[in-house]
Amino acid sequence: MKLFRTPAGVVAEDGDRALTLSSGWDEFFRAAEPVELAKKEFERAAAGGKLGSGQPGELLAPIGAQEVWAAGVTYYRSRDARMEESQSAAGGDFYARVYEAERPELFFKSTPHRVVGPGGQVRLRADSRWNVPEPELVLAVNAAGRIFGVTVGNDMSSRDIEGENPLYLPQAKVYDGSCALGPGILLGEVPGAETTIKLEIARAGALAFAGETTLAQLKRRPAELVGYLFRDQSFPNGTFLMTGTGIVPGADFTLRAGDEIRIEIAGVGRLVNTVAA
């Protein structure tokens, strides 16, 4: 079952049926058992004769009052990319140590109003010359710290700013339109290690970049990342946690206005956004 946020409310899609549920979006993140709540709501809607075509209609970003956090250097390719963009040997060693350390890198990514939904426009920083998308599996976590689903995410990054100094990470990662989520939340367990993540970037009708990885390349377990995130922190409305990327375009590539970014995670969904002018 998948949950979508629409102008009409929360829509659950199961097979060929799409039904509007009575609970609000944030209620699922506050619930002790979000999946069970969704199932009960779906059965209640079906019993009321609210059958749909299987299409949830217009989709909004799948976020209510939740914060978005992110994990970094969780894939070997991400570690290498951070070391490549760093301008000093000390910086390169810094990221290698993070990759091997027991404690993961976790950072704040976005408030709800900065998040872009499916079909929306992500943005580039005006003071950056080197920008890339980062395709990521995103965990939906309830207020009790329990993973109840996943979605697709794009952690937009200004690599030149981040590479200049590790302390500039918030400026490289957090700005209006720097985060995209969607199209909806796939309820249940985290997908298996064989799950593929694909990234395509189209420019002027041609493919400018393509890459692929699998969750087998994710070094840290999702539950481990969530456990660290919830240490001495509370999330009364639940939260999203981006798990890092294993696909990073090389130093010769930067996004341009008008580019179309396509991120697909097998079985989870396909998120498509364009880069704003």
C-alpha atoms as a PDB file:
ATOM      1  CA  MET A   1       0.000   0.000   0.000  1.00  0.00           C
ATOM      2  CA  LYS A   2       1.126   3.545  -0.763  1.00  0.00           C
ATOM      3  CA  LEU A   3       0.059   6.830   0.805  1.00  0.00           C
ATOM      4  CA  PHE A   4      -0.155  10.009  -1.254  1.00  0.00           C
ATOM      5  CA  ARG A   5      -0.799  13.583  -0.174  1.00  0.00           C
ATOM      6  CA  THR A   6      -3.296  15.338  -2.444  1.00  0.00           C
ATOM      7  CA  PRO A   7      -5.428  18.509  -2.306  1.00  0.00           C
ATOM      8  CA  ALA A   8      -8.365  16.273  -1.331  1.00  0.00           C
ATOM      9  CA  GLY A   9      -6.497  14.704   1.583  1.00  0.00           C
ATOM     10  CA  VAL A  10      -4.558  11.488   2.128  1.00  0.00           C
ATOM     11  CA  VAL A  11      -5.113   8.927  -0.615  1.00  0.00           C
ATOM     12  CA  ALA A  12      -4.158   5.279  -0.174  1.00  0.00           C
ATOM     13  CA  GLU A  13      -3.452   3.197  -3.258  1.00  0.00           C
ATOM     14  CA  ASP A  14      -3.668  -0.583  -3.048  1.00  0.00           C
ATOM     15  CA  GLY A  15      -3.704  -2.522  -6.293  1.00  0.00           C
ATOM     16  CA  ASP A  16      -6.297  -1.018  -8.609  1.00  0.00           C
ATOM     17  CA  ARG A  17      -8.034   0.989  -5.894  1.00  0.00           C
ATOM     18  CA  ALA A  18      -7.260   4.505  -4.675  1.00  0.00           C
ATOM     19  CA  LEU A  19      -9.310   5.698  -1.718  1.00  0.00           C
ATOM     20  CA  THR A  20      -9.364   8.937   0.253  1.00  0.00           C
ATOM     21  CA  LEU A  21      -8.765   8.275   3.947  1.00  0.00           C
ATOM     22  CA  SER A  22     -10.315  10.161   6.847  1.00  0.00           C
ATOM     23  CA  SER A  23      -7.121  10.719   8.855  1.00  0.00           C
ATOM     24  CA  GLY A  24      -4.856  13.688   8.174  1.00  0.00           C
ATOM     25  CA  TRP A  25      -1.282  13.262   6.946  1.00  0.00           C
ATOM     26  CA  ASP A  26       0.436  13.976  10.260  1.00  0.00           C
ATOM     27  CA  GLU A  27      -1.760  11.474  12.109  1.00  0.00           C
ATOM     28  CA  PHE A  28       0.042   8.600  10.423  1.00  0.00           C
ATOM     29  CA  PHE A  29       3.419   9.897  11.635  1.00  0.00           C
ATOM     30  CA  ARG A  30       2.081  10.293  15.179  1.00  0.00           C
ATOM     31  CA  ALA A  31       0.425   6.863  15.242  1.00  0.00           C
ATOM     32  CA  ALA A  32       2.061   3.998  17.113  1.00  0.00           C
ATOM     33  CA  GLU A  33       1.250   1.670  14.188  1.00  0.00           C
ATOM     34  CA  PRO A  34       0.963   3.775  11.021  1.00  0.00           C
ATOM     35  CA  VAL A  35       0.617   0.799   8.676  1.00  0.00           C
ATOM     36  CA  GLU A  36      -2.219  -0.710  10.688  1.00  0.00           C
ATOM     37  CA  LEU A  37      -3.945   2.671  10.820  1.00  0.00           C
ATOM     38  CA  ALA A  38      -3.728   2.970   7.040  1.00  0.00           C
ATOM     39  CA  LYS A  39      -5.149  -0.527   6.553  1.00  0.00           C
ATOM     40  CA  LYS A  40      -8.095   0.159   8.855  1.00  0.00           C
ATOM     41  CA  GLU A  41      -8.779   3.497   7.184  1.00  0.00           C
ATOM     42  CA  PHE A  42      -8.657   1.833   3.774  1.00  0.00           C
ATOM     43  CA  GLU A  43     -11.087  -0.889   4.792  1.00  0.00           C
ATOM     44  CA  ARG A  44     -13.436   1.718   6.231  1.00  0.00           C
ATOM     45  CA  ALA A  45     -13.310   3.772   3.029  1.00  0.00           C
ATOM     46  CA  ALA A  46     -13.871   0.674   0.883  1.00  0.00           C
ATOM     47  CA  ALA A  47     -16.863  -0.323   2.987  1.00  0.00           C
ATOM     48  CA  GLY A  48     -18.306   3.123   2.385  1.00  0.00           C
ATOM     49  CA  GLY A  49     -18.205   2.550  -1.365  1.00  0.00           C
ATOM     50  CA  LYS A  50     -15.456   5.107  -2.071  1.00  0.00           C
ATOM     51  CA  LEU A  51     -13.889   3.121  -4.896  1.00  0.00           C
ATOM     52  CA  GLY A  52     -11.448   4.915  -7.181  1.00  0.00           C
ATOM     53  CA  SER A  53      -9.717   4.281 -10.469  1.00  0.00           C
ATOM     54  CA  GLY A  54      -6.347   3.445  -8.923  1.00  0.00           C
ATOM     55  CA  GLN A  55      -4.998   6.911  -9.766  1.00  0.00           C
ATOM     56  CA  PRO A  56      -4.510   9.265  -6.804  1.00  0.00           C
ATOM     57  CA  GLY A  57      -4.808  12.410  -8.963  1.00  0.00           C
ATOM     58  CA  GLU A  58      -2.818  15.595  -8.341  1.00  0.00           C
ATOM     59  CA  LEU A  59       0.068  14.926  -5.969  1.00  0.00           C
ATOM     60  CA  LEU A  60       1.563  17.257  -3.393  1.00  0.00           C
ATOM     61  CA  ALA A  61       4.907  16.817  -1.686  1.00  0.00           C
ATOM     62  CA  PRO A  62       4.403  13.952   0.794  1.00  0.00           C
ATOM     63  CA  ILE A  63       5.172  16.018   3.860  1.00  0.00           C
ATOM     64  CA  GLY A  64       3.147  17.764   6.539  1.00  0.00           C
ATOM     65  CA  ALA A  65       4.748  19.020   9.746  1.00  0.00           C
ATOM     66  CA  GLN A  66       7.765  16.713   9.444  1.00  0.00           C
ATOM     67  CA  GLU A  67      11.398  17.798   9.343  1.00  0.00           C
ATOM     68  CA  VAL A  68      13.760  16.226   6.809  1.00  0.00           C
ATOM     69  CA  TRP A  69      17.162  15.003   8.001  1.00  0.00           C
ATOM     70  CA  ALA A  70      19.907  13.338   6.006  1.00  0.00           C
ATOM     71  CA  ALA A  71      22.815  10.951   6.411  1.00  0.00           C
ATOM     72  CA  GLY A  72      26.080  11.465   4.558  1.00  0.00           C
ATOM     73  CA  VAL A  73      29.054   9.337   3.499  1.00  0.00           C
ATOM     74  CA  THR A  74      26.988   6.143   3.716  1.00  0.00           C
ATOM     75  CA  TYR A  75      28.095   4.802   0.313  1.00  0.00           C
ATOM     76  CA  TYR A  76      31.687   4.288  -0.819  1.00  0.00           C
ATOM     77  CA  ARG A  77      31.012   6.448  -3.896  1.00  0.00           C
ATOM     78  CA  SER A  78      29.781   9.251  -1.640  1.00  0.00           C
ATOM     79  CA  ARG A  79      32.962   9.020   0.413  1.00  0.00           C
ATOM     80  CA  ASP A  80      35.083   9.294  -2.736  1.00  0.00           C
ATOM     81  CA  ALA A  81      33.048  12.225  -4.053  1.00  0.00           C
ATOM     82  CA  ARG A  82      33.444  14.153  -0.806  1.00  0.00           C
ATOM     83  CA  MET A  83      37.201  13.557  -0.887  1.00  0.00           C
ATOM     84  CA  GLU A  84      37.401  14.655  -4.542  1.00  0.00           C
ATOM     85  CA  GLU A  85      35.574  17.921  -3.919  1.00  0.00           C
ATOM     86  CA  SER A  86      37.595  18.761  -0.826  1.00  0.00           C
ATOM     87  CA  GLN A  87      40.401  21.251  -1.483  1.00  0.00           C
ATOM     88  CA  SER A  88      42.763  19.927   1.201  1.00  0.00           C
ATOM     89  CA  ALA A  89      44.305  16.617   2.221  1.00  0.00           C
ATOM     90  CA  ALA A  90      42.922  17.117   5.709  1.00  0.00           C
ATOM     91  CA  GLY A  91      39.435  17.464   4.261  1.00  0.00           C
ATOM     92  CA  GLY A  92      39.794  14.243   2.285  1.00  0.00           C
ATOM     93  CA  ASP A  93      40.948  12.344   5.358  1.00  0.00           C
ATOM     94  CA  PHE A  94      38.061  13.878   7.286  1.00  0.00           C
ATOM     95  CA  TYR A  95      35.489  12.153   5.054  1.00  0.00           C
ATOM     96  CA  ALA A  96      37.371   8.850   4.999  1.00  0.00           C
ATOM     97  CA  ARG A  97      37.287   8.829   8.788  1.00  0.00           C
ATOM     98  CA  VAL A  98      33.549   9.515   8.783  1.00  0.00           C
ATOM     99  CA  TYR A  99      32.955   6.574   6.438  1.00  0.00           C
ATOM    100  CA  GLU A 100      34.785   4.203   8.801  1.00  0.00           C
ATOM    101  CA  ALA A 101      33.567   5.696  12.105  1.00  0.00           C
ATOM    102  CA  GLU A 102      30.978   4.100  14.347  1.00  0.00           C
ATOM    103  CA  ARG A 103      28.941   7.325  14.527  1.00  0.00           C
ATOM    104  CA  PRO A 104      27.310   8.314  11.205  1.00  0.00           C
ATOM    105  CA  GLU A 105      27.163  11.781   9.729  1.00  0.00           C
ATOM    106  CA  LEU A 106      23.658  13.197  10.254  1.00  0.00           C
ATOM    107  CA  PHE A 107      22.564  16.691   9.321  1.00  0.00           C
ATOM    108  CA  PHE A 108      19.408  18.750   9.077  1.00  0.00           C
ATOM    109  CA  LYS A 109      18.180  18.998   5.498  1.00  0.00           C
ATOM    110  CA  SER A 110      14.837  20.767   5.193  1.00  0.00           C
ATOM    111  CA  THR A 111      11.725  22.231   6.702  1.00  0.00           C
ATOM    112  CA  PRO A 112       8.412  21.385   4.964  1.00  0.00           C
ATOM    113  CA  HIS A 113       8.124  24.674   3.080  1.00  0.00           C
ATOM    114  CA  ARG A 114      11.467  24.090   1.326  1.00  0.00           C
ATOM    115  CA  VAL A 115      10.457  20.637   0.046  1.00  0.00           C
ATOM    116  CA  VAL A 116       9.463  20.189  -3.598  1.00  0.00           C
ATOM    117  CA  GLY A 117       6.981  17.518  -4.648  1.00  0.00           C
ATOM    118  CA  PRO A 118       6.724  15.379  -7.790  1.00  0.00           C
ATOM    119  CA  GLY A 119       6.718  17.484 -10.944  1.00  0.00           C
ATOM    120  CA  GLY A 120       7.948  20.554  -9.050  1.00  0.00           C
ATOM    121  CA  GLN A 121      11.060  22.637  -9.614  1.00  0.00           C
ATOM    122  CA  VAL A 122      14.219  22.219  -7.584  1.00  0.00           C
ATOM    123  CA  ARG A 123      16.629  25.131  -7.405  1.00  0.00           C
ATOM    124  CA  LEU A 124      20.324  25.915  -7.730  1.00  0.00           C
ATOM    125  CA  ARG A 125      22.080  28.298  -5.366  1.00  0.00           C
ATOM    126  CA  ALA A 126      22.887  31.593  -7.088  1.00  0.00           C
ATOM    127  CA  ASP A 127      26.315  31.674  -5.409  1.00  0.00           C
ATOM    128  CA  SER A 128      27.338  28.170  -6.495  1.00  0.00           C
ATOM    129  CA  ARG A 129      28.992  26.997  -9.724  1.00  0.00           C
ATOM    130  CA  TRP A 130      28.902  23.215  -9.179  1.00  0.00           C
ATOM    131  CA  ASN A 131      25.532  21.626  -8.372  1.00  0.00           C
ATOM    132  CA  VAL A 132      24.351  18.026  -8.514  1.00  0.00           C
ATOM    133  CA  PRO A 133      21.305  15.976  -7.513  1.00  0.00           C
ATOM    134  CA  GLU A 134      21.727  13.122  -5.048  1.00  0.00           C
ATOM    135  CA  PRO A 135      19.183  10.288  -5.486  1.00  0.00           C
ATOM    136  CA  GLU A 136      18.358   8.664  -2.165  1.00  0.00           C
ATOM    137  CA  LEU A 137      16.094   6.192  -0.422  1.00  0.00           C
ATOM    138  CA  VAL A 138      14.199   8.173   2.225  1.00  0.00           C
ATOM    139  CA  LEU A 139      12.829   6.640   5.419  1.00  0.00           C
ATOM    140  CA  ALA A 140       9.443   7.664   6.835  1.00  0.00           C
ATOM    141  CA  VAL A 141       9.767   7.463  10.625  1.00  0.00           C
ATOM    142  CA  ASN A 142       6.976   7.878  13.180  1.00  0.00           C
ATOM    143  CA  ALA A 143       7.199   9.833  16.428  1.00  0.00           C
ATOM    144  CA  ALA A 144       8.370   6.746  18.308  1.00  0.00           C
ATOM    145  CA  GLY A 145      11.356   6.300  15.982  1.00  0.00           C
ATOM    146  CA  ARG A 146       9.903   3.407  14.016  1.00  0.00           C
ATOM    147  CA  ILE A 147      10.419   3.126  10.250  1.00  0.00           C
ATOM    148  CA  PHE A 148       7.029   2.532   8.658  1.00  0.00           C
ATOM    149  CA  GLY A 149       7.705   3.255   5.002  1.00  0.00           C
ATOM    150  CA  VAL A 150       9.986   4.700   2.364  1.00  0.00           C
ATOM    151  CA  THR A 151       9.891   7.223  -0.456  1.00  0.00           C
ATOM    152  CA  VAL A 152      12.203   8.662  -3.119  1.00  0.00           C
ATOM    153  CA  GLY A 153      14.309  11.727  -2.426  1.00  0.00           C
ATOM    154  CA  ASN A 154      16.666  14.210  -4.079  1.00  0.00           C
ATOM    155  CA  ASP A 155      19.247  15.847  -1.826  1.00  0.00           C
ATOM    156  CA  MET A 156      20.372  18.779  -3.992  1.00  0.00           C
ATOM    157  CA  SER A 157      23.966  19.740  -3.231  1.00  0.00           C
ATOM    158  CA  SER A 158      26.325  22.608  -4.055  1.00  0.00           C
ATOM    159  CA  ARG A 159      29.593  20.702  -4.253  1.00  0.00           C
ATOM    160  CA  ASP A 160      31.925  23.689  -4.609  1.00  0.00           C
ATOM    161  CA  ILE A 161      30.602  25.272  -1.406  1.00  0.00           C
ATOM    162  CA  GLU A 162      30.757  22.019   0.528  1.00  0.00           C
ATOM    163  CA  GLY A 163      34.222  21.213  -0.768  1.00  0.00           C
ATOM    164  CA  GLU A 164      35.643  24.580   0.237  1.00  0.00           C
ATOM    165  CA  ASN A 165      35.141  23.859   3.924  1.00  0.00           C
ATOM    166  CA  PRO A 166      33.203  21.096   5.774  1.00  0.00           C
ATOM    167  CA  LEU A 167      31.656  23.788   7.993  1.00  0.00           C
ATOM    168  CA  TYR A 168      29.854  25.155   4.935  1.00  0.00           C
ATOM    169  CA  LEU A 169      27.745  21.988   4.665  1.00  0.00           C
ATOM    170  CA  PRO A 170      24.477  23.688   5.772  1.00  0.00           C
ATOM    171  CA  GLN A 171      24.855  26.334   3.057  1.00  0.00           C
ATOM    172  CA  ALA A 172      25.597  23.668   0.445  1.00  0.00           C
ATOM    173  CA  LYS A 173      22.614  21.563   1.459  1.00  0.00           C
ATOM    174  CA  VAL A 174      19.894  23.746   2.974  1.00  0.00           C
ATOM    175  CA  TYR A 175      18.140  26.376   0.861  1.00  0.00           C
ATOM    176  CA  ASP A 176      14.770  26.897  -0.816  1.00  0.00           C
ATOM    177  CA  GLY A 177      14.017  24.108  -3.266  1.00  0.00           C
ATOM    178  CA  SER A 178      17.016  22.006  -2.229  1.00  0.00           C
ATOM    179  CA  CYS A 179      14.985  18.925  -1.319  1.00  0.00           C
ATOM    180  CA  ALA A 180      12.495  16.884  -3.334  1.00  0.00           C
ATOM    181  CA  LEU A 181      10.368  13.990  -2.063  1.00  0.00           C
ATOM    182  CA  GLY A 182       7.763  11.730  -3.587  1.00  0.00           C
ATOM    183  CA  PRO A 183       5.630  10.711  -5.189  1.00  0.00           C
ATOM    184  CA  GLY A 184       4.249   8.867  -2.130  1.00  0.00           C
ATOM    185  CA  ILE A 185       5.198   6.644   0.803  1.00  0.00           C
ATOM    186  CA  LEU A 186       5.427   2.894   0.255  1.00  0.00           C
ATOM    187  CA  LEU A 187       4.266   1.409   3.553  1.00  0.00           C
ATOM    188  CA  GLY A 188       6.072  -1.493   5.179  1.00  0.00           C
ATOM    189  CA  GLU A 189       9.627  -2.729   5.527  1.00  0.00           C
ATOM    190  CA  VAL A 190      12.711  -1.168   3.968  1.00  0.00           C
ATOM    191  CA  PRO A 191      13.343  -2.729   0.508  1.00  0.00           C
ATOM    192  CA  GLY A 192      15.996  -5.425   0.178  1.00  0.00           C
ATOM    193  CA  ALA A 193      19.655  -5.024  -0.726  1.00  0.00           C
ATOM    194  CA  GLU A 194      19.026  -5.948  -4.363  1.00  0.00           C
ATOM    195  CA  THR A 195      16.791  -2.886  -4.856  1.00  0.00           C
ATOM    196  CA  THR A 196      18.093  -0.623  -7.626  1.00  0.00           C
ATOM    197  CA  ILE A 197      18.312   3.163  -7.577  1.00  0.00           C
ATOM    198  CA  LYS A 198      18.586   4.886 -10.949  1.00  0.00           C
ATOM    199  CA  LEU A 199      19.343   8.496 -11.847  1.00  0.00           C
ATOM    200  CA  GLU A 200      18.866  10.110 -15.246  1.00  0.00           C
ATOM    201  CA  ILE A 201      19.389  13.765 -16.118  1.00  0.00           C
ATOM    202  CA  ALA A 202      17.940  14.975 -19.415  1.00  0.00           C
ATOM    203  CA  ARG A 203      19.112  18.201 -21.040  1.00  0.00           C
ATOM    204  CA  ALA A 204      17.577  19.697 -24.182  1.00  0.00           C
ATOM    205  CA  GLY A 205      15.985  16.373 -25.054  1.00  0.00           C
ATOM    206  CA  ALA A 206      19.170  14.329 -24.673  1.00  0.00           C
ATOM    207  CA  LEU A 207      20.502  12.210 -21.825  1.00  0.00           C
ATOM    208  CA  ALA A 208      23.229  14.213 -20.070  1.00  0.00           C
ATOM    209  CA  PHE A 209      23.943  11.750 -17.253  1.00  0.00           C
ATOM    210  CA  ALA A 210      22.838   8.305 -16.107  1.00  0.00           C
ATOM    211  CA  GLY A 211      23.869   6.209 -13.131  1.00  0.00           C
ATOM    212  CA  GLU A 212      22.684   3.211 -11.146  1.00  0.00           C
ATOM    213  CA  THR A 213      23.426   1.549  -7.814  1.00  0.00           C
ATOM    214  CA  THR A 214      21.756  -0.822  -5.365  1.00  0.00           C
ATOM    215  CA  LEU A 215      20.960  -0.698  -1.680  1.00  0.00           C
ATOM    216  CA  ALA A 216      23.607  -3.391  -1.209  1.00  0.00           C
ATOM    217  CA  GLN A 217      26.138  -0.536  -1.452  1.00  0.00           C
ATOM    218  CA  LEU A 218      24.606   1.221   1.576  1.00  0.00           C
ATOM    219  CA  LYS A 219      27.166   0.706   4.359  1.00  0.00           C
ATOM    220  CA  ARG A 220      24.947   1.536   7.321  1.00  0.00           C
ATOM    221  CA  ARG A 221      21.672  -0.128   8.255  1.00  0.00           C
ATOM    222  CA  PRO A 222      18.598   2.156   8.112  1.00  0.00           C
ATOM    223  CA  ALA A 223      17.638   1.238  11.687  1.00  0.00           C
ATOM    224  CA  GLU A 224      21.116   2.230  12.852  1.00  0.00           C
ATOM    225  CA  LEU A 225      20.799   5.655  11.216  1.00  0.00           C
ATOM    226  CA  VAL A 226      17.381   6.230  12.793  1.00  0.00           C
ATOM    227  CA  GLY A 227      18.700   5.129  16.185  1.00  0.00           C
ATOM    228  CA  TYR A 228      21.409   7.791  16.096  1.00  0.00           C
ATOM    229  CA  LEU A 229      18.972  10.434  14.837  1.00  0.00           C
ATOM    230  CA  PHE A 230      16.634   9.848  17.780  1.00  0.00           C
ATOM    231  CA  ARG A 231      19.373  10.087  20.406  1.00  0.00           C
ATOM    232  CA  ASP A 232      18.388  13.008  22.640  1.00  0.00           C
ATOM    233  CA  GLN A 233      15.997  14.326  19.973  1.00  0.00           C
ATOM    234  CA  SER A 234      12.232  14.170  19.770  1.00  0.00           C
ATOM    235  CA  PHE A 235      10.040  14.335  16.668  1.00  0.00           C
ATOM    236  CA  PRO A 236       6.400  14.677  17.803  1.00  0.00           C
ATOM    237  CA  ASN A 237       5.207  14.717  14.174  1.00  0.00           C
ATOM    238  CA  GLY A 238       7.655  12.088  12.975  1.00  0.00           C
ATOM    239  CA  THR A 239      10.398  12.784  10.464  1.00  0.00           C
ATOM    240  CA  PHE A 240      12.006  11.816   7.171  1.00  0.00           C
ATOM    241  CA  LEU A 241      15.587  10.577   6.986  1.00  0.00           C
ATOM    242  CA  MET A 242      17.493  10.550   3.691  1.00  0.00           C
ATOM    243  CA  THR A 243      19.960   7.648   3.702  1.00  0.00           C
ATOM    244  CA  GLY A 244      22.715   8.988   1.446  1.00  0.00           C
ATOM    245  CA  THR A 245      23.624   8.501  -2.182  1.00  0.00           C
ATOM    246  CA  GLY A 246      25.669   6.034  -4.170  1.00  0.00           C
ATOM    247  CA  ILE A 247      25.398   7.972  -7.448  1.00  0.00           C
ATOM    248  CA  VAL A 248      27.374  11.208  -7.816  1.00  0.00           C
ATOM    249  CA  PRO A 249      28.139  12.786 -11.215  1.00  0.00           C
ATOM    250  CA  GLY A 250      31.817  13.557 -11.803  1.00  0.00           C
ATOM    251  CA  ALA A 251      33.624  16.861 -11.486  1.00  0.00           C
ATOM    252  CA  ASP A 252      32.921  17.670 -15.137  1.00  0.00           C
ATOM    253  CA  PHE A 253      29.150  17.811 -14.605  1.00  0.00           C
ATOM    254  CA  THR A 254      26.918  20.482 -13.097  1.00  0.00           C
ATOM    255  CA  LEU A 255      23.182  20.987 -13.326  1.00  0.00           C
ATOM    256  CA  ARG A 256      21.709  23.721 -15.509  1.00  0.00           C
ATOM    257  CA  ALA A 257      18.347  25.471 -15.559  1.00  0.00           C
ATOM    258  CA  GLY A 258      15.824  23.385 -17.476  1.00  0.00           C
ATOM    259  CA  ASP A 259      17.425  20.009 -16.733  1.00  0.00           C
ATOM    260  CA  GLU A 260      14.989  17.208 -15.933  1.00  0.00           C
ATOM    261  CA  ILE A 261      16.024  14.970 -13.020  1.00  0.00           C
ATOM    262  CA  ARG A 262      14.540  11.466 -12.934  1.00  0.00           C
ATOM    263  CA  ILE A 263      15.094   9.277  -9.887  1.00  0.00           C
ATOM    264  CA  GLU A 264      13.617   5.790  -9.734  1.00  0.00           C
ATOM    265  CA  ILE A 265      13.819   3.266  -6.912  1.00  0.00           C
ATOM    266  CA  ALA A 266      12.523  -0.158  -7.907  1.00  0.00           C
ATOM    267  CA  GLY A 267       9.195  -0.913  -6.274  1.00  0.00           C
ATOM    268  CA  VAL A 268       9.113   2.427  -4.443  1.00  0.00           C
ATOM    269  CA  GLY A 269       8.434   5.038  -7.119  1.00  0.00           C
ATOM    270  CA  ARG A 270       9.736   7.491  -9.690  1.00  0.00           C
ATOM    271  CA  LEU A 271      10.391  11.124  -8.785  1.00  0.00           C
ATOM    272  CA  VAL A 272      10.728  13.628 -11.621  1.00  0.00           C
ATOM    273  CA  ASN A 273      11.666  17.288 -11.158  1.00  0.00           C
ATOM    274  CA  THR A 274      13.021  20.082 -13.329  1.00  0.00           C
ATOM    275  CA  VAL A 275      15.649  22.645 -12.429  1.00  0.00           C
ATOM    276  CA  ALA A 276      14.204  26.133 -12.099  1.00  0.00           C
ATOM    277  CA  ALA A 277      15.539  29.037 -14.132  1.00  0.00           C
END
